[in-house]
Amino acid sequence: MHVVVEGNFAYNCPATQIGNIQDTHAGINVADWTWRNNIFAYVGWAMSVSARDMKFFNNVFYHCGENTSAVILFRNVAGATPANNGKLVNNLFVACGDKPNVSSTGWYSVDPGVSGFSADYNLVIGTGAGTTKATFRTGNLEAHGMSGVDPRFVNPALMNFRLLPGSPALGSGLNLSALFTTDFTGGRRVGPWSRGAY
């Protein structure tokens, strides 16, 4: 419990899964993990979560999860703890999922029966006809989410995921300073919070 996964950079891992977190015990042994300020670029397999209180703050997911329609799966499956009370805030999902050109996929998914889930201030963009995600802001989620908006990275081809001046992700995130105060580099976040790892 109370695990923090922070400041990691995973690049060009087509046969690798972002993660597979499962609590399969009668008691709660795996719970309350936080992923923050991480960058995942071209990581082929999605994150699957079957444990409670899993949180994702200020991460970048770039061309990830090409094995499924979503990048992070909050699961409710037999033999494992439901992924109740999951939370996602200030993350960037760019051209993710197995069909980034489809308007209904490419970010996270929540199985029926999972309770207490919340998500807001995330940004998602796909490609082609799926650039804007038609169903992103549904189910009382993403009141402040952005869909089909380019976060304007400095140079993603060279894996530079800093935000350019004028990026819509700059200063438009939720202030999470009560939980943490740094970015991917370890530098202090000051002023209005941005979405993403920087």
N, C-alpha and C. Protein backbone atom coordinates (compact mmCIF):
# COMPACT_ATOMS: atom_id res chain seq x y z
N MET A 1 0.83 -1.18 0.00
CA MET A 1 0.00 0.00 0.00
C MET A 1 0.88 1.25 0.00
N HIS A 2 0.29 2.36 -0.40
CA HIS A 2 0.95 3.66 -0.41
C HIS A 2 2.23 3.65 -1.26
N VAL A 3 2.14 3.10 -2.45
CA VAL A 3 3.28 3.03 -3.37
C VAL A 3 3.19 4.21 -4.34
N VAL A 4 4.32 4.87 -4.60
CA VAL A 4 4.39 5.96 -5.58
C VAL A 4 5.33 5.54 -6.69
N VAL A 5 4.85 5.61 -7.94
CA VAL A 5 5.65 5.32 -9.13
C VAL A 5 5.81 6.65 -9.86
N GLU A 6 7.03 7.18 -9.88
CA GLU A 6 7.21 8.56 -10.32
C GLU A 6 8.49 8.75 -11.14
N GLY A 7 8.40 9.65 -12.13
CA GLY A 7 9.58 10.10 -12.86
C GLY A 7 10.18 9.07 -13.79
N ASN A 8 9.39 8.13 -14.27
CA ASN A 8 9.90 7.10 -15.18
C ASN A 8 9.67 7.51 -16.63
N PHE A 9 10.56 7.04 -17.50
CA PHE A 9 10.44 7.30 -18.93
C PHE A 9 10.56 5.96 -19.65
N ALA A 10 9.45 5.48 -20.18
CA ALA A 10 9.43 4.21 -20.92
C ALA A 10 9.23 4.53 -22.39
N TYR A 11 10.18 4.14 -23.23
CA TYR A 11 10.14 4.49 -24.65
C TYR A 11 10.41 3.27 -25.53
N ASN A 12 9.61 3.13 -26.58
CA ASN A 12 9.82 2.09 -27.60
C ASN A 12 9.84 0.70 -26.98
N CYS A 13 8.74 0.36 -26.32
CA CYS A 13 8.60 -0.94 -25.67
C CYS A 13 7.37 -1.64 -26.25
N PRO A 14 7.41 -2.06 -27.51
CA PRO A 14 6.19 -2.57 -28.16
C PRO A 14 5.66 -3.87 -27.56
N ALA A 15 6.51 -4.67 -26.95
CA ALA A 15 6.06 -5.94 -26.38
C ALA A 15 5.89 -5.86 -24.86
N THR A 16 5.90 -4.65 -24.32
CA THR A 16 5.85 -4.45 -22.88
C THR A 16 4.50 -3.89 -22.46
N GLN A 17 4.05 -4.32 -21.29
CA GLN A 17 2.81 -3.80 -20.73
C GLN A 17 3.14 -2.66 -19.77
N ILE A 18 2.36 -1.58 -19.83
CA ILE A 18 2.58 -0.48 -18.89
C ILE A 18 2.50 -1.01 -17.46
N GLY A 19 1.57 -1.91 -17.22
CA GLY A 19 1.47 -2.54 -15.90
C GLY A 19 0.31 -3.49 -15.83
N ASN A 20 0.36 -4.39 -14.86
CA ASN A 20 -0.73 -5.33 -14.59
C ASN A 20 -0.79 -5.49 -13.08
N ILE A 21 -1.66 -4.70 -12.47
CA ILE A 21 -1.73 -4.66 -11.01
C ILE A 21 -3.00 -5.39 -10.58
N GLN A 22 -2.84 -6.47 -9.82
CA GLN A 22 -3.98 -7.27 -9.38
C GLN A 22 -3.87 -7.59 -7.89
N ASP A 23 -5.00 -7.42 -7.21
CA ASP A 23 -5.12 -7.91 -5.84
C ASP A 23 -6.04 -9.12 -5.91
N THR A 24 -5.49 -10.30 -5.71
CA THR A 24 -6.27 -11.54 -5.85
C THR A 24 -6.47 -12.24 -4.50
N HIS A 25 -6.25 -11.52 -3.41
CA HIS A 25 -6.38 -12.11 -2.08
C HIS A 25 -7.72 -11.73 -1.46
N ALA A 26 -8.15 -12.51 -0.48
CA ALA A 26 -9.41 -12.22 0.20
C ALA A 26 -9.33 -10.89 0.95
N GLY A 27 -8.20 -10.64 1.58
CA GLY A 27 -7.96 -9.35 2.21
C GLY A 27 -7.34 -8.40 1.20
N ILE A 28 -7.30 -7.13 1.54
CA ILE A 28 -6.73 -6.15 0.61
C ILE A 28 -5.23 -6.06 0.86
N ASN A 29 -4.44 -6.55 -0.09
CA ASN A 29 -2.99 -6.54 0.03
C ASN A 29 -2.34 -5.57 -0.95
N VAL A 30 -3.02 -5.29 -2.06
CA VAL A 30 -2.51 -4.37 -3.07
C VAL A 30 -3.53 -3.25 -3.21
N ALA A 31 -3.15 -2.03 -2.86
CA ALA A 31 -4.07 -0.90 -2.93
C ALA A 31 -3.30 0.40 -2.77
N ASP A 32 -3.94 1.49 -3.21
CA ASP A 32 -3.43 2.84 -2.96
C ASP A 32 -2.05 3.07 -3.57
N TRP A 33 -1.97 2.84 -4.89
CA TRP A 33 -0.77 3.17 -5.63
C TRP A 33 -1.00 4.45 -6.42
N THR A 34 0.04 5.24 -6.58
CA THR A 34 -0.04 6.49 -7.35
C THR A 34 1.03 6.51 -8.42
N TRP A 35 0.61 6.72 -9.68
CA TRP A 35 1.53 6.96 -10.79
C TRP A 35 1.48 8.44 -11.09
N ARG A 36 2.62 9.11 -11.00
CA ARG A 36 2.64 10.55 -11.27
C ARG A 36 3.94 10.95 -11.96
N ASN A 37 3.79 11.94 -12.86
CA ASN A 37 4.96 12.50 -13.57
C ASN A 37 5.75 11.44 -14.33
N ASN A 38 5.07 10.50 -14.96
CA ASN A 38 5.73 9.49 -15.79
C ASN A 38 5.45 9.77 -17.26
N ILE A 39 6.35 9.29 -18.13
CA ILE A 39 6.17 9.40 -19.57
C ILE A 39 6.25 8.01 -20.17
N PHE A 40 5.20 7.64 -20.89
CA PHE A 40 5.14 6.35 -21.59
C PHE A 40 4.96 6.65 -23.08
N ALA A 41 5.92 6.29 -23.89
CA ALA A 41 5.87 6.55 -25.34
C ALA A 41 6.13 5.26 -26.10
N TYR A 42 5.19 4.88 -26.94
CA TYR A 42 5.28 3.65 -27.73
C TYR A 42 5.44 2.41 -26.84
N VAL A 43 4.68 2.38 -25.76
CA VAL A 43 4.60 1.18 -24.93
C VAL A 43 3.37 0.41 -25.42
N GLY A 44 3.59 -0.78 -25.95
CA GLY A 44 2.57 -1.46 -26.74
C GLY A 44 1.35 -1.95 -26.00
N TRP A 45 1.52 -2.35 -24.74
CA TRP A 45 0.41 -3.00 -24.04
C TRP A 45 -0.10 -2.10 -22.92
N ALA A 46 -1.39 -2.17 -22.70
CA ALA A 46 -2.07 -1.27 -21.76
C ALA A 46 -1.78 -1.61 -20.30
N MET A 47 -2.19 -0.69 -19.42
CA MET A 47 -2.18 -0.90 -17.98
C MET A 47 -3.51 -1.53 -17.59
N SER A 48 -3.46 -2.66 -16.89
CA SER A 48 -4.65 -3.32 -16.40
C SER A 48 -4.64 -3.26 -14.87
N VAL A 49 -5.74 -2.75 -14.30
CA VAL A 49 -5.81 -2.54 -12.86
C VAL A 49 -6.96 -3.33 -12.27
N SER A 50 -6.65 -4.23 -11.36
CA SER A 50 -7.66 -4.96 -10.57
C SER A 50 -7.27 -4.82 -9.11
N ALA A 51 -7.33 -3.60 -8.61
CA ALA A 51 -7.01 -3.28 -7.22
C ALA A 51 -7.60 -1.90 -6.95
N ARG A 52 -7.88 -1.61 -5.71
CA ARG A 52 -8.59 -0.37 -5.39
C ARG A 52 -7.63 0.81 -5.16
N ASP A 53 -8.19 2.01 -5.30
CA ASP A 53 -7.49 3.26 -4.98
C ASP A 53 -6.23 3.48 -5.81
N MET A 54 -6.30 3.17 -7.11
CA MET A 54 -5.17 3.42 -8.00
C MET A 54 -5.34 4.78 -8.65
N LYS A 55 -4.29 5.61 -8.59
CA LYS A 55 -4.38 7.01 -9.02
C LYS A 55 -3.31 7.32 -10.06
N PHE A 56 -3.69 8.14 -11.05
CA PHE A 56 -2.79 8.54 -12.12
C PHE A 56 -2.84 10.05 -12.26
N PHE A 57 -1.72 10.72 -11.95
CA PHE A 57 -1.66 12.17 -11.97
C PHE A 57 -0.52 12.66 -12.87
N ASN A 58 -0.83 13.55 -13.79
CA ASN A 58 0.19 14.26 -14.58
C ASN A 58 1.14 13.34 -15.34
N ASN A 59 0.61 12.31 -15.96
CA ASN A 59 1.41 11.42 -16.81
C ASN A 59 1.19 11.75 -18.28
N VAL A 60 2.12 11.31 -19.12
CA VAL A 60 2.00 11.41 -20.58
C VAL A 60 1.94 10.00 -21.15
N PHE A 61 0.91 9.75 -21.95
CA PHE A 61 0.77 8.49 -22.68
C PHE A 61 0.75 8.83 -24.17
N TYR A 62 1.80 8.44 -24.88
CA TYR A 62 2.00 8.82 -26.29
C TYR A 62 2.12 7.57 -27.14
N HIS A 63 1.14 7.33 -28.02
CA HIS A 63 1.12 6.14 -28.86
C HIS A 63 1.27 4.87 -28.01
N CYS A 64 0.44 4.73 -27.00
CA CYS A 64 0.50 3.60 -26.09
C CYS A 64 -0.76 2.74 -26.17
N GLY A 65 -0.66 1.53 -25.65
CA GLY A 65 -1.81 0.64 -25.52
C GLY A 65 -2.36 0.16 -26.85
N GLU A 66 -1.49 -0.15 -27.78
CA GLU A 66 -1.94 -0.54 -29.11
C GLU A 66 -2.53 -1.95 -29.16
N ASN A 67 -2.57 -2.65 -28.03
CA ASN A 67 -3.17 -3.99 -27.98
C ASN A 67 -4.65 -3.96 -27.65
N THR A 68 -5.17 -2.80 -27.24
CA THR A 68 -6.56 -2.72 -26.82
C THR A 68 -7.10 -1.33 -27.09
N SER A 69 -8.39 -1.14 -26.83
CA SER A 69 -8.99 0.15 -27.15
C SER A 69 -8.66 1.24 -26.14
N ALA A 70 -8.21 0.87 -24.96
CA ALA A 70 -7.91 1.83 -23.90
C ALA A 70 -6.48 1.67 -23.41
N VAL A 71 -5.98 2.72 -22.78
CA VAL A 71 -4.61 2.70 -22.27
C VAL A 71 -4.56 2.20 -20.83
N ILE A 72 -5.57 2.57 -20.05
CA ILE A 72 -5.67 2.12 -18.65
C ILE A 72 -7.03 1.46 -18.49
N LEU A 73 -7.03 0.22 -18.04
CA LEU A 73 -8.26 -0.56 -17.89
C LEU A 73 -8.54 -0.74 -16.41
N PHE A 74 -9.64 -0.18 -15.92
CA PHE A 74 -10.06 -0.38 -14.54
C PHE A 74 -11.03 -1.56 -14.54
N ARG A 75 -10.57 -2.70 -14.02
CA ARG A 75 -11.22 -3.98 -14.24
C ARG A 75 -12.11 -4.41 -13.07
N ASN A 76 -13.10 -5.22 -13.40
CA ASN A 76 -13.94 -5.91 -12.43
C ASN A 76 -14.09 -7.33 -12.94
N VAL A 77 -13.15 -8.18 -12.53
CA VAL A 77 -13.09 -9.55 -13.05
C VAL A 77 -13.12 -10.55 -11.90
N ALA A 78 -13.61 -11.73 -12.19
CA ALA A 78 -13.69 -12.79 -11.19
C ALA A 78 -12.30 -13.12 -10.63
N GLY A 79 -12.21 -13.28 -9.34
CA GLY A 79 -10.96 -13.68 -8.70
C GLY A 79 -10.04 -12.54 -8.34
N ALA A 80 -10.47 -11.30 -8.58
CA ALA A 80 -9.63 -10.15 -8.26
C ALA A 80 -10.49 -9.04 -7.67
N THR A 81 -9.85 -8.15 -6.94
CA THR A 81 -10.54 -7.00 -6.35
C THR A 81 -10.95 -6.03 -7.44
N PRO A 82 -12.19 -5.54 -7.43
CA PRO A 82 -12.57 -4.52 -8.41
C PRO A 82 -11.73 -3.26 -8.24
N ALA A 83 -11.51 -2.57 -9.34
CA ALA A 83 -10.66 -1.37 -9.33
C ALA A 83 -11.45 -0.15 -8.87
N ASN A 84 -12.05 -0.27 -7.69
CA ASN A 84 -12.85 0.82 -7.15
C ASN A 84 -12.00 2.01 -6.74
N ASN A 85 -12.61 3.18 -6.78
CA ASN A 85 -12.00 4.44 -6.31
C ASN A 85 -10.78 4.85 -7.12
N GLY A 86 -10.72 4.44 -8.39
CA GLY A 86 -9.64 4.90 -9.26
C GLY A 86 -9.78 6.39 -9.54
N LYS A 87 -8.66 7.03 -9.81
CA LYS A 87 -8.70 8.48 -10.06
C LYS A 87 -7.65 8.85 -11.09
N LEU A 88 -8.06 9.66 -12.07
CA LEU A 88 -7.13 10.17 -13.09
C LEU A 88 -7.30 11.68 -13.23
N VAL A 89 -6.19 12.42 -13.09
CA VAL A 89 -6.23 13.87 -13.19
C VAL A 89 -4.98 14.37 -13.91
N ASN A 90 -5.16 15.30 -14.83
CA ASN A 90 -4.05 16.03 -15.48
C ASN A 90 -3.18 15.17 -16.39
N ASN A 91 -3.70 14.07 -16.93
CA ASN A 91 -2.93 13.21 -17.82
C ASN A 91 -3.14 13.60 -19.28
N LEU A 92 -2.17 13.25 -20.12
CA LEU A 92 -2.25 13.48 -21.56
C LEU A 92 -2.25 12.14 -22.28
N PHE A 93 -3.25 11.91 -23.14
CA PHE A 93 -3.36 10.69 -23.94
C PHE A 93 -3.32 11.10 -25.41
N VAL A 94 -2.23 10.77 -26.10
CA VAL A 94 -2.02 11.22 -27.48
C VAL A 94 -1.88 10.01 -28.40
N ALA A 95 -2.82 9.88 -29.34
CA ALA A 95 -2.78 8.83 -30.37
C ALA A 95 -2.63 7.44 -29.77
N CYS A 96 -3.43 7.15 -28.77
CA CYS A 96 -3.33 5.89 -28.04
C CYS A 96 -4.43 4.91 -28.45
N GLY A 97 -4.26 3.68 -28.01
CA GLY A 97 -5.21 2.61 -28.27
C GLY A 97 -4.95 1.94 -29.60
N ASP A 98 -5.69 0.85 -29.84
CA ASP A 98 -5.46 0.08 -31.07
C ASP A 98 -6.07 0.76 -32.30
N LYS A 99 -6.95 1.73 -32.08
CA LYS A 99 -7.57 2.45 -33.20
C LYS A 99 -7.61 3.94 -32.87
N PRO A 100 -6.48 4.64 -32.94
CA PRO A 100 -6.48 6.06 -32.59
C PRO A 100 -7.34 6.92 -33.52
N ASN A 101 -7.74 6.34 -34.67
CA ASN A 101 -8.58 7.08 -35.62
C ASN A 101 -10.08 6.85 -35.38
N VAL A 102 -10.43 6.20 -34.26
CA VAL A 102 -11.82 5.99 -33.89
C VAL A 102 -12.18 6.99 -32.79
N SER A 103 -13.35 7.58 -32.88
CA SER A 103 -13.71 8.68 -31.98
C SER A 103 -14.17 8.23 -30.59
N SER A 104 -14.29 6.92 -30.36
CA SER A 104 -14.81 6.44 -29.08
C SER A 104 -13.79 5.68 -28.23
N THR A 105 -12.54 5.66 -28.63
CA THR A 105 -11.53 4.93 -27.88
C THR A 105 -10.22 5.72 -27.82
N GLY A 106 -9.32 5.26 -26.93
CA GLY A 106 -7.98 5.83 -26.90
C GLY A 106 -7.57 6.50 -25.61
N TRP A 107 -8.29 6.26 -24.53
CA TRP A 107 -7.86 6.83 -23.25
C TRP A 107 -7.99 5.77 -22.17
N TYR A 108 -8.96 5.79 -21.27
CA TYR A 108 -9.11 4.79 -20.22
C TYR A 108 -10.50 4.17 -20.34
N SER A 109 -10.69 3.02 -19.69
CA SER A 109 -12.01 2.39 -19.67
C SER A 109 -12.29 1.86 -18.27
N VAL A 110 -13.58 1.79 -17.95
CA VAL A 110 -14.01 1.36 -16.62
C VAL A 110 -15.05 0.26 -16.78
N ASP A 111 -14.78 -0.91 -16.23
CA ASP A 111 -15.71 -2.04 -16.32
C ASP A 111 -16.99 -1.75 -15.53
N PRO A 112 -18.12 -2.31 -15.98
CA PRO A 112 -19.34 -2.27 -15.16
C PRO A 112 -19.08 -2.88 -13.79
N GLY A 113 -19.65 -2.26 -12.76
CA GLY A 113 -19.47 -2.76 -11.40
C GLY A 113 -18.33 -2.12 -10.65
N VAL A 114 -17.46 -1.37 -11.34
CA VAL A 114 -16.41 -0.61 -10.66
C VAL A 114 -17.05 0.65 -10.09
N SER A 115 -16.81 0.93 -8.82
CA SER A 115 -17.44 2.08 -8.17
C SER A 115 -16.41 3.11 -7.74
N GLY A 116 -16.90 4.33 -7.51
CA GLY A 116 -16.06 5.39 -6.96
C GLY A 116 -15.03 5.95 -7.91
N PHE A 117 -15.16 5.68 -9.21
CA PHE A 117 -14.17 6.16 -10.19
C PHE A 117 -14.39 7.63 -10.48
N SER A 118 -13.29 8.39 -10.62
CA SER A 118 -13.39 9.80 -11.01
C SER A 118 -12.24 10.16 -11.94
N ALA A 119 -12.53 11.05 -12.87
CA ALA A 119 -11.51 11.51 -13.82
C ALA A 119 -11.87 12.91 -14.30
N ASP A 120 -10.86 13.79 -14.34
CA ASP A 120 -11.08 15.14 -14.84
C ASP A 120 -9.75 15.78 -15.17
N TYR A 121 -9.81 16.85 -15.95
CA TYR A 121 -8.64 17.63 -16.37
C TYR A 121 -7.67 16.82 -17.22
N ASN A 122 -8.12 15.72 -17.80
CA ASN A 122 -7.28 14.96 -18.72
C ASN A 122 -7.48 15.49 -20.14
N LEU A 123 -6.50 15.24 -20.99
CA LEU A 123 -6.55 15.65 -22.39
C LEU A 123 -6.35 14.42 -23.25
N VAL A 124 -7.20 14.27 -24.28
CA VAL A 124 -7.07 13.15 -25.21
C VAL A 124 -7.17 13.66 -26.64
N ILE A 125 -6.33 13.11 -27.51
CA ILE A 125 -6.39 13.42 -28.93
C ILE A 125 -6.01 12.18 -29.71
N GLY A 126 -6.74 11.92 -30.77
CA GLY A 126 -6.44 10.78 -31.62
C GLY A 126 -5.90 11.23 -32.96
N THR A 127 -6.21 10.48 -34.00
CA THR A 127 -5.73 10.80 -35.34
C THR A 127 -6.90 10.75 -36.33
N GLY A 128 -6.77 11.43 -37.44
CA GLY A 128 -7.76 11.37 -38.51
C GLY A 128 -9.17 11.62 -38.03
N ALA A 129 -10.08 10.73 -38.42
CA ALA A 129 -11.49 10.86 -38.04
C ALA A 129 -11.69 10.77 -36.53
N GLY A 130 -10.73 10.21 -35.83
CA GLY A 130 -10.84 10.07 -34.38
C GLY A 130 -10.04 11.09 -33.61
N THR A 131 -9.68 12.20 -34.26
CA THR A 131 -8.91 13.23 -33.55
C THR A 131 -9.66 13.70 -32.31
N THR A 132 -10.93 14.05 -32.47
CA THR A 132 -11.77 14.40 -31.34
C THR A 132 -12.53 13.17 -30.88
N LYS A 133 -12.54 12.95 -29.59
CA LYS A 133 -13.18 11.76 -29.02
C LYS A 133 -14.59 12.13 -28.57
N ALA A 134 -15.57 11.63 -29.30
CA ALA A 134 -16.96 12.04 -29.11
C ALA A 134 -17.52 11.67 -27.74
N THR A 135 -17.06 10.58 -27.15
CA THR A 135 -17.64 10.10 -25.90
C THR A 135 -16.73 10.34 -24.69
N PHE A 136 -15.74 11.19 -24.83
CA PHE A 136 -14.77 11.38 -23.74
C PHE A 136 -15.43 12.01 -22.51
N ARG A 137 -16.24 13.03 -22.71
CA ARG A 137 -16.83 13.75 -21.58
C ARG A 137 -18.25 13.25 -21.32
N THR A 138 -18.36 12.02 -20.84
CA THR A 138 -19.67 11.44 -20.53
C THR A 138 -19.63 10.78 -19.16
N GLY A 139 -20.82 10.46 -18.65
CA GLY A 139 -20.90 9.75 -17.38
C GLY A 139 -20.40 10.54 -16.19
N ASN A 140 -20.62 11.85 -16.18
CA ASN A 140 -20.17 12.72 -15.08
C ASN A 140 -18.65 12.74 -14.94
N LEU A 141 -17.95 12.50 -16.04
CA LEU A 141 -16.49 12.55 -16.05
C LEU A 141 -16.02 13.69 -16.95
N GLU A 142 -14.83 14.17 -16.70
CA GLU A 142 -14.14 15.11 -17.58
C GLU A 142 -14.89 16.42 -17.82
N ALA A 143 -15.45 16.98 -16.76
CA ALA A 143 -16.10 18.30 -16.90
C ALA A 143 -15.11 19.34 -17.42
N HIS A 144 -13.84 19.17 -17.08
CA HIS A 144 -12.78 20.08 -17.53
C HIS A 144 -11.81 19.38 -18.49
N GLY A 145 -12.20 18.21 -18.98
CA GLY A 145 -11.35 17.46 -19.90
C GLY A 145 -11.30 18.13 -21.27
N MET A 146 -10.23 17.88 -22.00
CA MET A 146 -10.06 18.41 -23.35
C MET A 146 -9.99 17.26 -24.34
N SER A 147 -10.77 17.35 -25.41
CA SER A 147 -10.80 16.30 -26.42
C SER A 147 -10.49 16.88 -27.79
N GLY A 148 -9.57 16.22 -28.50
CA GLY A 148 -9.21 16.67 -29.84
C GLY A 148 -8.32 17.89 -29.86
N VAL A 149 -7.67 18.16 -28.75
CA VAL A 149 -6.82 19.34 -28.61
C VAL A 149 -5.36 18.92 -28.58
N ASP A 150 -4.55 19.49 -29.46
CA ASP A 150 -3.12 19.17 -29.52
C ASP A 150 -2.42 19.78 -28.31
N PRO A 151 -1.72 18.98 -27.49
CA PRO A 151 -1.02 19.54 -26.33
C PRO A 151 0.21 20.35 -26.72
N ARG A 152 0.65 20.22 -27.96
CA ARG A 152 1.78 20.99 -28.49
C ARG A 152 3.08 20.73 -27.70
N PHE A 153 3.61 19.52 -27.91
CA PHE A 153 4.89 19.16 -27.33
C PHE A 153 6.02 19.85 -28.08
N VAL A 154 7.15 20.03 -27.40
CA VAL A 154 8.32 20.66 -28.03
C VAL A 154 8.79 19.85 -29.22
N ASN A 155 9.05 18.56 -29.03
CA ASN A 155 9.50 17.72 -30.14
C ASN A 155 9.28 16.25 -29.80
N PRO A 156 8.05 15.75 -30.00
CA PRO A 156 7.80 14.35 -29.64
C PRO A 156 8.61 13.35 -30.45
N ALA A 157 9.02 13.71 -31.67
CA ALA A 157 9.85 12.80 -32.47
C ALA A 157 11.18 12.52 -31.79
N LEU A 158 11.65 13.49 -31.00
CA LEU A 158 12.89 13.33 -30.24
C LEU A 158 12.60 13.08 -28.77
N MET A 159 11.36 12.68 -28.48
CA MET A 159 10.91 12.34 -27.14
C MET A 159 11.00 13.51 -26.16
N ASN A 160 10.83 14.72 -26.67
CA ASN A 160 10.78 15.90 -25.81
C ASN A 160 9.31 16.26 -25.60
N PHE A 161 8.77 15.92 -24.43
CA PHE A 161 7.36 16.12 -24.15
C PHE A 161 7.10 17.34 -23.27
N ARG A 162 8.05 18.26 -23.27
CA ARG A 162 7.77 19.56 -22.66
C ARG A 162 6.70 20.26 -23.49
N LEU A 163 6.01 21.20 -22.89
CA LEU A 163 4.93 21.92 -23.56
C LEU A 163 5.44 23.23 -24.14
N LEU A 164 5.08 23.49 -25.40
CA LEU A 164 5.44 24.75 -26.05
C LEU A 164 4.65 25.90 -25.45
N PRO A 165 5.19 27.12 -25.53
CA PRO A 165 4.39 28.29 -25.13
C PRO A 165 3.08 28.30 -25.93
N GLY A 166 2.02 28.62 -25.27
CA GLY A 166 0.72 28.62 -25.92
C GLY A 166 0.01 27.28 -25.92
N SER A 167 0.65 26.24 -25.36
CA SER A 167 -0.01 24.93 -25.27
C SER A 167 -1.28 25.05 -24.43
N PRO A 168 -2.37 24.42 -24.88
CA PRO A 168 -3.60 24.45 -24.08
C PRO A 168 -3.46 23.68 -22.76
N ALA A 169 -2.43 22.86 -22.66
CA ALA A 169 -2.22 22.11 -21.42
C ALA A 169 -1.48 22.93 -20.37
N LEU A 170 -0.86 24.02 -20.78
CA LEU A 170 -0.13 24.88 -19.84
C LEU A 170 -1.10 25.63 -18.93
N GLY A 171 -0.92 25.48 -17.64
CA GLY A 171 -1.70 26.25 -16.68
C GLY A 171 -3.17 25.92 -16.64
N SER A 172 -3.60 24.83 -17.27
CA SER A 172 -5.03 24.52 -17.33
C SER A 172 -5.39 23.28 -16.52
N GLY A 173 -4.46 22.76 -15.75
CA GLY A 173 -4.71 21.56 -14.96
C GLY A 173 -5.27 21.88 -13.59
N LEU A 174 -5.56 20.83 -12.84
CA LEU A 174 -6.03 20.97 -11.47
C LEU A 174 -4.82 21.04 -10.54
N ASN A 175 -4.83 21.98 -9.62
CA ASN A 175 -3.74 22.12 -8.66
C ASN A 175 -3.80 20.96 -7.67
N LEU A 176 -2.75 20.13 -7.70
CA LEU A 176 -2.66 18.97 -6.82
C LEU A 176 -1.56 19.14 -5.78
N SER A 177 -1.23 20.39 -5.45
CA SER A 177 -0.10 20.65 -4.55
C SER A 177 -0.33 20.08 -3.14
N ALA A 178 -1.55 19.77 -2.79
CA ALA A 178 -1.78 19.12 -1.51
C ALA A 178 -1.27 17.68 -1.52
N LEU A 179 -1.04 17.13 -2.74
CA LEU A 179 -0.57 15.75 -2.87
C LEU A 179 0.91 15.66 -3.24
N PHE A 180 1.37 16.55 -4.13
CA PHE A 180 2.78 16.61 -4.52
C PHE A 180 3.04 17.95 -5.18
N THR A 181 4.32 18.33 -5.32
CA THR A 181 4.63 19.68 -5.78
C THR A 181 5.67 19.72 -6.90
N THR A 182 6.09 18.57 -7.41
CA THR A 182 7.17 18.54 -8.40
C THR A 182 6.67 18.06 -9.76
N ASP A 183 7.55 18.17 -10.77
CA ASP A 183 7.24 17.66 -12.10
C ASP A 183 8.20 16.52 -12.45
N PHE A 184 8.23 16.11 -13.71
CA PHE A 184 9.05 14.99 -14.16
C PHE A 184 10.53 15.20 -13.84
N THR A 185 11.01 16.42 -13.91
CA THR A 185 12.42 16.72 -13.68
C THR A 185 12.75 16.84 -12.19
N GLY A 186 11.74 16.85 -11.35
CA GLY A 186 11.95 17.11 -9.93
C GLY A 186 11.83 18.58 -9.60
N GLY A 187 11.64 19.42 -10.64
CA GLY A 187 11.47 20.85 -10.43
C GLY A 187 10.13 21.15 -9.79
N ARG A 188 10.08 22.24 -9.08
CA ARG A 188 8.86 22.62 -8.35
C ARG A 188 7.80 23.16 -9.31
N ARG A 189 6.58 22.67 -9.17
CA ARG A 189 5.45 23.21 -9.92
C ARG A 189 4.99 24.48 -9.22
N VAL A 190 4.99 25.59 -9.95
CA VAL A 190 4.56 26.87 -9.38
C VAL A 190 3.49 27.47 -10.28
N GLY A 191 2.70 28.37 -9.71
CA GLY A 191 1.66 29.02 -10.48
C GLY A 191 0.57 28.04 -10.87
N PRO A 192 -0.23 28.38 -11.87
CA PRO A 192 -1.28 27.45 -12.32
C PRO A 192 -0.65 26.14 -12.80
N TRP A 193 -1.24 25.04 -12.41
CA TRP A 193 -0.72 23.73 -12.76
C TRP A 193 -1.00 23.40 -14.21
N SER A 194 -0.07 22.70 -14.83
CA SER A 194 -0.24 22.24 -16.21
C SER A 194 -0.63 20.77 -16.20
N ARG A 195 -1.20 20.33 -17.31
CA ARG A 195 -1.46 18.91 -17.52
C ARG A 195 -0.19 18.28 -18.07
N GLY A 196 0.04 17.02 -17.79
CA GLY A 196 1.22 16.34 -18.28
C GLY A 196 2.33 16.32 -17.25
N ALA A 197 3.47 15.77 -17.65
CA ALA A 197 4.56 15.50 -16.72
C ALA A 197 5.45 16.70 -16.46
N TYR A 198 5.37 17.74 -17.30
CA TYR A 198 6.21 18.93 -17.12
C TYR A 198 5.38 20.11 -16.64
